[in-house]
Amino acid sequence: MKTICILFGGRSSEYDVSLSSAYAVLSNIDRSTYNLLCIGITRDGRWFRYDGALEEIRTGHWCDYTETLPTVALDLSSGKLRCTAPDGTVTETVCDAVFPVLHGKFGEDGTIQGMFAVAGIPVVGCGCTSSGVCMDKAFTKSIVAADTGIRQAKAVIARAEDAADMDALRTKCENALGYPMFVKPSAAGSSVGVSKVKSAGQFSDAVTRALAEDGKVLIEEAIVGREIEVAVFEDHGELFASTPAEIDMGGSEFYDYDTKYISDASGYYLPARITPEQTAEVQAYAKTIFHALDCKVFSRVDFFVTETGFVFNEINTIPGFTPISMYPKMMIHSGMTYAGLIDRMLSATFA
């Protein structure tokens, strides 16, 4: 029986989303097939082995017990996870694979993937380079443009030094993009730090907010269209694209963090309200982008559908696995069960 390490929590603004995703994964994984080593990472980056009630993960109370939980360290030379109990007792575990149920920085950005690659432990999903590139929206846009030619929003890339002359940066973006425009951290997830800027007076605050999340900012033209998402799954080199879903933002300005995870304003259409021809087209685009970015096992690819066709928006290499997340919903609609999806993801990791 293979031992799988499940990581949750983490030093990310998406910590709470990770807890909800991990709760769903741990509630559905086949424990008759896999031994599980559950490791919770606190907001300040401390690692603990957690064997308690799953409900405490969902509510965030798992970390109330850190004084009694074994601490965890990874031995890079042996590939073993060393757990040290409060009484000093040490146990070592060899894991066959790691499933980082982590979102955002220090989980989805290649850092965790690189660490376990050094230790020689397979990680479910994309590798170090692909994860890092896909987390950085500016890098993603460059590769997709060069390798696929699929349409994207026009954009300006800025860094902290560019924001030192905010008037000049604003003028550059006004000339290139016009209003409204979106200001985003280049490397952050779940729309954290994203603003829709409708006028010059909102520009400076939006850039400052984005820079608080990342040192590089992506400023894009606003695309008028409906958001379409496609789940892509890779198994033994074969790519499968799900039935597309369409996000109904319920009147929100855009699909921000609150709309995704907190409010009940948003909804979805599954399948998306597009023609069979458009469905085949966006599925092909999703697989092309997945391949161009060297993704592995699973990712969610997001588009806008406009009057003139599809526009690529972004890719998520560890999309949410919460009860309301679209990746598992799309895969279930396409014929898988939640437990079956997790099993196939793990099986694909060992292929």
Protein backbone atom coordinates (compact mmCIF):
# COMPACT_ATOMS: atom_id res chain seq x y z
CA MET A 1 0.00 0.00 0.00
CA LYS A 2 1.45 3.36 -1.05
CA THR A 3 1.91 6.17 1.44
CA ILE A 4 0.67 9.58 0.34
CA CYS A 5 1.60 12.80 2.12
CA ILE A 6 -1.24 15.34 2.08
CA LEU A 7 -0.11 18.93 2.67
CA PHE A 8 -2.59 21.62 3.69
CA GLY A 9 -2.62 25.18 5.04
CA GLY A 10 0.50 27.12 4.17
CA ARG A 11 1.97 30.61 4.10
CA SER A 12 -0.47 32.00 1.59
CA SER A 13 -3.38 34.40 1.42
CA GLU A 14 -5.33 31.33 0.26
CA TYR A 15 -4.78 29.43 3.51
CA ASP A 16 -8.49 29.10 4.24
CA VAL A 17 -9.23 27.79 0.76
CA SER A 18 -6.55 25.15 1.25
CA LEU A 19 -8.22 23.95 4.45
CA SER A 20 -11.55 23.54 2.68
CA SER A 21 -9.91 21.74 -0.26
CA ALA A 22 -7.96 19.42 2.04
CA TYR A 23 -11.09 18.58 4.02
CA ALA A 24 -12.84 17.52 0.81
CA VAL A 25 -9.86 15.51 -0.46
CA LEU A 26 -9.33 13.73 2.87
CA SER A 27 -13.05 12.99 3.14
CA ASN A 28 -13.06 11.26 -0.25
CA ILE A 29 -9.68 9.59 -0.70
CA ASP A 30 -9.75 5.79 -0.62
CA ARG A 31 -8.09 4.90 2.68
CA SER A 32 -8.23 1.19 1.84
CA THR A 33 -5.81 1.91 -1.02
CA TYR A 34 -3.50 4.52 0.49
CA ASN A 35 -1.79 5.17 3.80
CA LEU A 36 -2.01 8.86 4.58
CA LEU A 37 0.44 11.17 6.27
CA CYS A 38 -1.38 14.47 6.87
CA ILE A 39 0.81 17.50 7.37
CA GLY A 40 -0.62 20.87 8.28
CA ILE A 41 1.40 24.02 7.64
CA THR A 42 0.58 27.01 9.81
CA ARG A 43 0.25 30.53 8.47
CA ASP A 44 3.78 31.25 9.69
CA GLY A 45 5.23 28.17 7.97
CA ARG A 46 5.58 25.58 10.75
CA TRP A 47 4.92 21.94 9.76
CA PHE A 48 3.02 19.50 11.99
CA ARG A 49 1.74 15.98 11.59
CA TYR A 50 -2.01 15.99 12.15
CA ASP A 51 -4.08 12.85 12.78
CA GLY A 52 -7.11 14.48 14.39
CA ALA A 53 -10.67 15.05 13.28
CA LEU A 54 -11.16 16.25 9.71
CA GLU A 55 -13.74 18.76 10.86
CA GLU A 56 -10.98 20.60 12.75
CA ILE A 57 -9.19 21.10 9.43
CA ARG A 58 -12.29 22.53 7.77
CA THR A 59 -12.89 24.99 10.63
CA GLY A 60 -9.22 25.93 11.01
CA HIS A 61 -9.03 24.68 14.60
CA TRP A 62 -6.48 21.97 13.77
CA CYS A 63 -3.68 24.37 14.63
CA ASP A 64 -5.06 24.91 18.15
CA TYR A 65 -3.24 21.69 19.04
CA THR A 66 0.24 22.45 17.72
CA GLU A 67 1.81 22.22 21.19
CA THR A 68 0.87 18.54 21.26
CA LEU A 69 1.48 17.69 17.61
CA PRO A 70 4.71 16.23 16.20
CA THR A 71 6.78 18.70 14.23
CA VAL A 72 7.82 17.65 10.73
CA ALA A 73 11.04 18.13 8.81
CA LEU A 74 12.07 16.80 5.40
CA ASP A 75 15.46 15.12 5.12
CA LEU A 76 16.52 16.08 1.62
CA SER A 77 19.29 13.48 1.47
CA SER A 78 17.16 10.47 2.40
CA GLY A 79 13.76 11.66 1.22
CA LYS A 80 12.25 10.81 4.61
CA LEU A 81 9.81 12.93 6.56
CA ARG A 82 10.98 13.08 10.16
CA CYS A 83 8.27 13.60 12.80
CA THR A 84 9.40 14.65 16.28
CA ALA A 85 6.82 14.32 19.07
CA PRO A 86 6.81 16.78 21.99
CA ASP A 87 8.46 14.09 24.17
CA GLY A 88 11.35 13.83 21.70
CA THR A 89 10.29 10.55 20.07
CA VAL A 90 11.27 10.54 16.41
CA THR A 91 9.60 8.56 13.63
CA GLU A 92 10.57 8.60 9.97
CA THR A 93 8.25 7.99 7.05
CA VAL A 94 9.04 7.33 3.42
CA CYS A 95 6.29 8.74 1.22
CA ASP A 96 5.60 7.45 -2.26
CA ALA A 97 4.10 10.77 -3.35
CA VAL A 98 3.12 14.18 -2.03
CA PHE A 99 -0.22 15.80 -2.78
CA PRO A 100 0.14 19.53 -2.06
CA VAL A 101 -3.44 20.64 -1.43
CA LEU A 102 -2.05 24.15 -1.25
CA HIS A 103 -3.05 27.24 -3.20
CA GLY A 104 -1.06 30.34 -4.02
CA LYS A 105 2.46 31.16 -2.87
CA PHE A 106 4.63 28.47 -1.26
CA GLY A 107 2.39 25.75 -2.63
CA GLU A 108 1.34 26.38 -6.20
CA ASP A 109 4.38 28.39 -7.31
CA GLY A 110 7.00 25.66 -7.67
CA THR A 111 8.67 26.10 -4.28
CA ILE A 112 7.17 22.97 -2.68
CA GLN A 113 7.56 21.07 -5.94
CA GLY A 114 11.25 21.94 -6.13
CA MET A 115 11.91 20.95 -2.53
CA PHE A 116 10.37 17.50 -2.97
CA ALA A 117 12.09 17.07 -6.33
CA VAL A 118 15.44 17.51 -4.53
CA ALA A 119 14.33 14.84 -2.04
CA GLY A 120 13.33 12.50 -4.88
CA ILE A 121 9.63 12.33 -3.97
CA PRO A 122 7.01 12.61 -6.74
CA VAL A 123 4.49 15.42 -6.41
CA VAL A 124 0.93 15.21 -7.69
CA GLY A 125 0.47 17.77 -10.45
CA CYS A 126 2.85 20.10 -12.24
CA GLY A 127 6.58 20.13 -11.63
CA CYS A 128 8.76 22.92 -10.33
CA THR A 129 9.30 24.88 -13.55
CA SER A 130 5.77 24.56 -14.88
CA SER A 131 4.27 25.49 -11.51
CA GLY A 132 6.44 28.60 -11.24
CA VAL A 133 5.71 29.74 -14.78
CA CYS A 134 1.96 29.18 -14.49
CA MET A 135 1.80 31.01 -11.16
CA ASP A 136 3.34 34.07 -12.80
CA LYS A 137 0.69 35.50 -15.14
CA ALA A 138 3.22 37.58 -17.09
CA PHE A 139 5.42 34.55 -17.83
CA THR A 140 2.32 32.53 -18.72
CA LYS A 141 1.17 35.15 -21.21
CA SER A 142 4.60 35.24 -22.89
CA ILE A 143 4.77 31.48 -23.40
CA VAL A 144 1.17 31.13 -24.55
CA ALA A 145 1.67 33.99 -27.02
CA ALA A 146 4.90 32.53 -28.41
CA ASP A 147 3.83 28.89 -28.54
CA THR A 148 0.12 28.97 -29.36
CA GLY A 149 -0.99 32.30 -30.78
CA ILE A 150 -4.25 32.00 -28.81
CA ARG A 151 -5.77 35.42 -28.22
CA GLN A 152 -5.15 37.13 -24.87
CA ALA A 153 -5.92 40.50 -23.33
CA LYS A 154 -3.47 43.31 -24.09
CA ALA A 155 -1.29 44.01 -21.08
CA VAL A 156 1.35 46.21 -19.47
CA ILE A 157 3.83 44.70 -17.00
CA ALA A 158 5.07 46.91 -14.17
CA ARG A 159 7.36 46.54 -11.18
CA ALA A 160 7.85 48.53 -8.00
CA GLU A 161 10.39 50.84 -9.65
CA ASP A 162 7.87 51.67 -12.39
CA ALA A 163 5.30 52.61 -9.75
CA ALA A 164 7.72 55.18 -8.35
CA ASP A 165 6.44 57.46 -11.13
CA MET A 166 2.76 56.56 -10.86
CA ASP A 167 1.63 59.30 -13.25
CA ALA A 168 3.89 58.03 -16.02
CA LEU A 169 2.77 54.43 -15.45
CA ARG A 170 -0.88 55.46 -15.47
CA THR A 171 -0.45 57.39 -18.71
CA LYS A 172 1.29 54.41 -20.33
CA CYS A 173 -1.56 52.10 -19.35
CA GLU A 174 -4.24 54.58 -20.42
CA ASN A 175 -2.65 54.86 -23.86
CA ALA A 176 -2.17 51.12 -24.25
CA LEU A 177 -5.34 49.79 -22.64
CA GLY A 178 -7.90 52.47 -21.86
CA TYR A 179 -10.55 52.19 -19.15
CA PRO A 180 -11.69 50.01 -17.57
CA MET A 181 -8.58 47.95 -16.90
CA PHE A 182 -7.65 45.21 -14.45
CA VAL A 183 -4.65 45.51 -12.13
CA LYS A 184 -3.36 42.18 -10.83
CA PRO A 185 -0.40 40.83 -8.89
CA SER A 186 1.51 38.82 -11.48
CA ALA A 187 2.01 35.90 -9.10
CA ALA A 188 -0.99 35.43 -6.81
CA GLY A 189 -4.12 33.33 -6.97
CA SER A 190 -7.87 33.44 -6.33
CA SER A 191 -8.06 37.07 -7.49
CA VAL A 192 -6.26 38.24 -4.33
CA GLY A 193 -5.05 41.81 -4.83
CA VAL A 194 -6.98 42.27 -8.10
CA SER A 195 -8.82 45.51 -8.84
CA LYS A 196 -11.03 46.72 -11.66
CA VAL A 197 -9.95 50.29 -12.42
CA LYS A 198 -12.58 52.47 -14.07
CA SER A 199 -10.91 55.87 -13.79
CA ALA A 200 -7.60 57.60 -13.24
CA GLY A 201 -8.40 58.25 -9.60
CA GLN A 202 -8.49 54.53 -8.81
CA PHE A 203 -5.23 53.62 -10.53
CA SER A 204 -2.64 54.36 -7.84
CA ASP A 205 -4.46 52.51 -5.06
CA ALA A 206 -4.97 49.47 -7.32
CA VAL A 207 -1.28 49.26 -8.22
CA THR A 208 -0.26 49.67 -4.58
CA ARG A 209 -2.68 46.91 -3.57
CA ALA A 210 -1.30 44.55 -6.21
CA LEU A 211 2.31 45.30 -5.28
CA ALA A 212 1.53 44.33 -1.69
CA GLU A 213 0.99 40.77 -2.98
CA ASP A 214 3.80 40.57 -5.53
CA GLY A 215 6.71 42.64 -6.80
CA LYS A 216 5.42 42.49 -10.37
CA VAL A 217 2.04 43.73 -11.57
CA LEU A 218 0.05 42.80 -14.65
CA ILE A 219 -2.26 45.51 -15.95
CA GLU A 220 -4.72 44.24 -18.57
CA GLU A 221 -7.45 45.59 -20.78
CA ALA A 222 -10.93 44.61 -19.66
CA ILE A 223 -12.42 41.89 -21.83
CA VAL A 224 -16.17 42.01 -22.33
CA GLY A 225 -17.34 38.41 -22.26
CA ARG A 226 -18.51 35.48 -20.19
CA GLU A 227 -16.02 33.41 -18.18
CA ILE A 228 -15.60 29.84 -19.40
CA GLU A 229 -13.54 27.23 -17.52
CA VAL A 230 -12.18 23.87 -18.65
CA ALA A 231 -10.69 21.13 -16.47
CA VAL A 232 -7.77 19.33 -18.09
CA PHE A 233 -6.58 15.93 -16.89
CA GLU A 234 -3.49 14.07 -18.08
CA ASP A 235 -3.12 10.32 -17.73
CA HIS A 236 -0.19 8.46 -19.28
CA GLY A 237 0.40 11.34 -21.68
CA GLU A 238 -3.19 11.47 -22.89
CA LEU A 239 -5.05 14.73 -22.33
CA PHE A 240 -8.73 14.92 -21.46
CA ALA A 241 -10.65 18.21 -21.46
CA SER A 242 -13.87 18.34 -19.49
CA THR A 243 -17.23 19.70 -20.44
CA PRO A 244 -16.74 23.48 -20.09
CA ALA A 245 -18.47 25.41 -17.32
CA GLU A 246 -19.61 29.01 -17.36
CA ILE A 247 -19.36 31.28 -14.34
CA ASP A 248 -22.35 33.45 -13.47
CA MET A 249 -20.93 36.26 -11.33
CA GLY A 250 -24.35 37.25 -10.03
CA GLY A 251 -23.83 40.95 -10.57
CA SER A 252 -20.30 41.15 -9.14
CA GLU A 253 -17.83 43.41 -10.96
CA PHE A 254 -15.55 40.42 -11.53
CA TYR A 255 -14.87 36.96 -10.16
CA ASP A 256 -13.02 38.09 -7.04
CA TYR A 257 -12.13 36.18 -3.86
CA ASP A 258 -15.36 37.08 -2.08
CA THR A 259 -17.50 36.02 -5.04
CA LYS A 260 -15.61 32.72 -5.38
CA TYR A 261 -15.53 31.60 -1.76
CA ILE A 262 -17.58 33.76 0.62
CA SER A 263 -20.74 35.27 -0.84
CA ASP A 264 -23.55 33.29 -2.41
CA ALA A 265 -23.92 35.73 -5.31
CA SER A 266 -22.19 33.63 -7.96
CA GLY A 267 -23.42 30.54 -9.74
CA TYR A 268 -22.50 28.51 -12.77
CA TYR A 269 -23.81 26.76 -15.84
CA LEU A 270 -22.56 23.26 -16.50
CA PRO A 271 -22.40 22.74 -19.38
CA ALA A 272 -21.57 26.28 -20.43
CA ARG A 273 -24.01 28.12 -22.66
CA ILE A 274 -21.95 27.73 -25.82
CA THR A 275 -22.45 25.80 -29.05
CA PRO A 276 -21.03 22.30 -29.64
CA GLU A 277 -18.54 23.87 -32.06
CA GLN A 278 -17.42 26.38 -29.45
CA THR A 279 -17.15 23.58 -26.89
CA ALA A 280 -14.78 21.62 -29.13
CA GLU A 281 -12.78 24.77 -29.83
CA VAL A 282 -12.27 25.79 -26.21
CA GLN A 283 -11.44 22.20 -25.20
CA ALA A 284 -8.75 22.14 -27.88
CA TYR A 285 -7.41 25.50 -26.70
CA ALA A 286 -7.27 24.26 -23.11
CA LYS A 287 -5.27 21.18 -24.07
CA THR A 288 -2.94 23.25 -26.26
CA ILE A 289 -2.21 25.65 -23.40
CA PHE A 290 -1.77 22.80 -20.90
CA HIS A 291 0.79 21.22 -23.24
CA ALA A 292 2.58 24.49 -24.06
CA LEU A 293 3.12 25.19 -20.35
CA ASP A 294 4.38 21.64 -19.72
CA CYS A 295 1.65 20.93 -17.18
CA LYS A 296 1.19 17.50 -15.63
CA VAL A 297 -1.79 15.54 -14.26
CA PHE A 298 -4.31 18.37 -13.78
CA SER A 299 -5.00 22.07 -14.24
CA ARG A 300 -7.95 24.36 -14.82
CA VAL A 301 -7.77 26.68 -17.84
CA ASP A 302 -9.91 29.83 -17.88
CA PHE A 303 -11.16 31.83 -20.85
CA PHE A 304 -13.57 34.57 -21.81
CA VAL A 305 -15.97 33.99 -24.67
CA THR A 306 -16.66 37.20 -26.57
CA GLU A 307 -18.57 38.14 -29.69
CA THR A 308 -15.38 37.51 -31.69
CA GLY A 309 -14.24 34.27 -30.04
CA PHE A 310 -12.31 32.97 -27.05
CA VAL A 311 -9.70 34.89 -25.06
CA PHE A 312 -7.33 33.01 -22.74
CA ASN A 313 -7.40 34.42 -19.20
CA GLU A 314 -5.25 32.26 -16.90
CA ILE A 315 -4.35 28.74 -15.78
CA ASN A 316 -4.50 27.27 -12.27
CA THR A 317 -2.20 24.33 -11.59
CA ILE A 318 -3.71 23.52 -8.18
CA PRO A 319 -7.31 24.67 -8.59
CA GLY A 320 -9.64 24.58 -5.64
CA PHE A 321 -10.97 21.21 -4.50
CA THR A 322 -13.56 22.66 -2.15
CA PRO A 323 -17.18 21.45 -2.30
CA ILE A 324 -18.02 24.44 -4.53
CA SER A 325 -14.88 24.36 -6.71
CA MET A 326 -15.28 24.06 -10.44
CA TYR A 327 -12.47 21.60 -11.27
CA PRO A 328 -14.03 18.62 -9.45
CA LYS A 329 -17.53 19.72 -10.54
CA MET A 330 -16.49 19.68 -14.20
CA MET A 331 -14.72 16.32 -13.91
CA ILE A 332 -17.68 14.77 -12.08
CA HIS A 333 -20.02 16.11 -14.78
CA SER A 334 -17.72 14.52 -17.35
CA GLY A 335 -18.15 11.08 -15.81
CA MET A 336 -15.85 10.73 -12.79
CA THR A 337 -16.67 10.47 -9.11
CA TYR A 338 -14.81 12.70 -6.65
CA ALA A 339 -13.05 9.68 -5.10
CA GLY A 340 -12.32 8.27 -8.55
CA LEU A 341 -10.79 11.56 -9.66
CA ILE A 342 -8.40 11.62 -6.69
CA ASP A 343 -7.43 8.00 -7.32
CA ARG A 344 -6.75 8.68 -11.01
CA MET A 345 -4.67 11.75 -10.14
CA LEU A 346 -2.55 9.68 -7.78
CA SER A 347 -2.27 6.83 -10.29
CA ALA A 348 -1.20 9.27 -13.01
CA THR A 349 1.54 10.57 -10.71
CA PHE A 350 3.10 7.10 -10.56
CA ALA A 351 2.81 6.54 -14.35
